[in-house]
Amino acid sequence: MSILLNINLGGGSMVEISLASIRRIMKKAGIERVSKDAVEALRDLAEEYIFRLSQLASELADHAGRKTILKQDVLMAARILAQKP
């Protein structure tokens, strides 16, 4: 079963985060049982968020006249994305 979202990660949807990593994070959150579909859905959403966050952080660094993305760019990008519906 695939997610019903159109996730476009630039050059295609290449999986970067392992399902095992997502399962470990979920376990730390107190989740003992989870379906593979749920883990895949969370992974896809996390990758999409990281992709969008990275794009916005890059735009902020560019606007500041820098090629290097700084921690402040990532934090500002996260605040901006959190405000969007």
C-alpha atoms as a PDB file:
ATOM      1  CA  MET A   1       0.000   0.000   0.000  1.00  0.00           C
ATOM      2  CA  SER A   2       1.405   3.379  -0.909  1.00  0.00           C
ATOM      3  CA  ILE A   3       0.764   6.794   0.567  1.00  0.00           C
ATOM      4  CA  LEU A   4      -1.904   8.915  -1.079  1.00  0.00           C
ATOM      5  CA  LEU A   5       0.369  11.956  -1.263  1.00  0.00           C
ATOM      6  CA  ASN A   6       2.274  13.164  -4.262  1.00  0.00           C
ATOM      7  CA  ILE A   7       5.762  13.377  -2.841  1.00  0.00           C
ATOM      8  CA  ASN A   8       8.241  14.842  -5.288  1.00  0.00           C
ATOM      9  CA  LEU A   9      11.768  14.758  -3.942  1.00  0.00           C
ATOM     10  CA  GLY A  10      13.451  16.606  -6.756  1.00  0.00           C
ATOM     11  CA  GLY A  11      14.791  14.026  -9.163  1.00  0.00           C
ATOM     12  CA  GLY A  12      12.382  11.338  -8.039  1.00  0.00           C
ATOM     13  CA  SER A  13      11.360   9.679  -4.829  1.00  0.00           C
ATOM     14  CA  MET A  14      14.561   8.070  -3.638  1.00  0.00           C
ATOM     15  CA  VAL A  15      14.304   6.506  -0.190  1.00  0.00           C
ATOM     16  CA  GLU A  16      17.062   7.773   2.099  1.00  0.00           C
ATOM     17  CA  ILE A  17      15.847   6.979   5.633  1.00  0.00           C
ATOM     18  CA  SER A  18      15.720   3.311   6.571  1.00  0.00           C
ATOM     19  CA  LEU A  19      12.573   1.721   7.933  1.00  0.00           C
ATOM     20  CA  ALA A  20      14.645   0.407  10.841  1.00  0.00           C
ATOM     21  CA  SER A  21      15.571   3.982  11.799  1.00  0.00           C
ATOM     22  CA  ILE A  22      11.917   5.017  11.743  1.00  0.00           C
ATOM     23  CA  ARG A  23      10.937   1.979  13.840  1.00  0.00           C
ATOM     24  CA  ARG A  24      13.607   2.869  16.440  1.00  0.00           C
ATOM     25  CA  ILE A  25      12.310   6.438  16.676  1.00  0.00           C
ATOM     26  CA  MET A  26       8.740   5.197  17.040  1.00  0.00           C
ATOM     27  CA  LYS A  27       9.844   2.751  19.743  1.00  0.00           C
ATOM     28  CA  LYS A  28      11.482   5.640  21.644  1.00  0.00           C
ATOM     29  CA  ALA A  29       8.109   7.403  21.413  1.00  0.00           C
ATOM     30  CA  GLY A  30       6.544   4.461  23.261  1.00  0.00           C
ATOM     31  CA  ILE A  31       5.020   2.678  20.283  1.00  0.00           C
ATOM     32  CA  GLU A  32       5.386  -1.083  20.686  1.00  0.00           C
ATOM     33  CA  ARG A  33       3.501  -2.365  17.639  1.00  0.00           C
ATOM     34  CA  VAL A  34       3.266  -0.721  14.254  1.00  0.00           C
ATOM     35  CA  SER A  35       2.441  -1.953  10.772  1.00  0.00           C
ATOM     36  CA  LYS A  36       4.947  -1.807   7.948  1.00  0.00           C
ATOM     37  CA  ASP A  37       2.569   0.513   6.049  1.00  0.00           C
ATOM     38  CA  ALA A  38       2.535   2.942   8.979  1.00  0.00           C
ATOM     39  CA  VAL A  39       6.334   2.946   9.191  1.00  0.00           C
ATOM     40  CA  GLU A  40       6.596   3.534   5.433  1.00  0.00           C
ATOM     41  CA  ALA A  41       4.056   6.367   5.607  1.00  0.00           C
ATOM     42  CA  LEU A  42       5.939   8.069   8.438  1.00  0.00           C
ATOM     43  CA  ARG A  43       9.229   7.635   6.573  1.00  0.00           C
ATOM     44  CA  ASP A  44       7.787   9.179   3.407  1.00  0.00           C
ATOM     45  CA  LEU A  45       6.357  12.126   5.333  1.00  0.00           C
ATOM     46  CA  ALA A  46       9.616  12.672   7.229  1.00  0.00           C
ATOM     47  CA  GLU A  47      11.625  12.630   4.005  1.00  0.00           C
ATOM     48  CA  GLU A  48       9.228  15.088   2.386  1.00  0.00           C
ATOM     49  CA  TYR A  49       9.487  17.427   5.388  1.00  0.00           C
ATOM     50  CA  ILE A  50      13.298  17.235   5.444  1.00  0.00           C
ATOM     51  CA  PHE A  51      13.393  17.902   1.705  1.00  0.00           C
ATOM     52  CA  ARG A  52      11.162  20.992   2.008  1.00  0.00           C
ATOM     53  CA  LEU A  53      13.054  22.179   5.087  1.00  0.00           C
ATOM     54  CA  SER A  54      16.350  21.846   3.214  1.00  0.00           C
ATOM     55  CA  GLN A  55      15.027  23.751   0.207  1.00  0.00           C
ATOM     56  CA  LEU A  56      13.781  26.613   2.365  1.00  0.00           C
ATOM     57  CA  ALA A  57      16.992  26.719   4.440  1.00  0.00           C
ATOM     58  CA  SER A  58      18.944  26.942   1.191  1.00  0.00           C
ATOM     59  CA  GLU A  59      16.777  29.828   0.000  1.00  0.00           C
ATOM     60  CA  LEU A  60      17.344  31.656   3.307  1.00  0.00           C
ATOM     61  CA  ALA A  61      21.120  31.203   3.063  1.00  0.00           C
ATOM     62  CA  ASP A  62      21.041  32.398  -0.552  1.00  0.00           C
ATOM     63  CA  HIS A  63      19.000  35.444   0.456  1.00  0.00           C
ATOM     64  CA  ALA A  64      21.652  36.225   3.089  1.00  0.00           C
ATOM     65  CA  GLY A  65      24.344  36.022   0.399  1.00  0.00           C
ATOM     66  CA  ARG A  66      25.788  32.728   1.622  1.00  0.00           C
ATOM     67  CA  LYS A  67      26.362  29.382  -0.023  1.00  0.00           C
ATOM     68  CA  THR A  68      26.628  27.591   3.320  1.00  0.00           C
ATOM     69  CA  ILE A  69      23.450  26.680   5.176  1.00  0.00           C
ATOM     70  CA  LEU A  70      23.777  27.518   8.864  1.00  0.00           C
ATOM     71  CA  LYS A  71      21.908  26.201  11.879  1.00  0.00           C
ATOM     72  CA  GLN A  72      19.978  29.488  12.002  1.00  0.00           C
ATOM     73  CA  ASP A  73      18.736  28.877   8.440  1.00  0.00           C
ATOM     74  CA  VAL A  74      17.420  25.436   9.364  1.00  0.00           C
ATOM     75  CA  LEU A  75      15.731  26.721  12.529  1.00  0.00           C
ATOM     76  CA  MET A  76      14.138  29.651  10.686  1.00  0.00           C
ATOM     77  CA  ALA A  77      12.963  27.351   7.902  1.00  0.00           C
ATOM     78  CA  ALA A  78      11.377  25.061  10.530  1.00  0.00           C
ATOM     79  CA  ARG A  79       9.552  28.036  12.076  1.00  0.00           C
ATOM     80  CA  ILE A  80       8.280  29.151   8.677  1.00  0.00           C
ATOM     81  CA  LEU A  81       7.076  25.665   7.738  1.00  0.00           C
ATOM     82  CA  ALA A  82       5.371  25.264  11.117  1.00  0.00           C
ATOM     83  CA  GLN A  83       3.289  28.372  10.393  1.00  0.00           C
ATOM     84  CA  LYS A  84       2.022  27.077   7.040  1.00  0.00           C
ATOM     85  CA  PRO A  85      -1.316  25.241   7.060  1.00  0.00           C
END
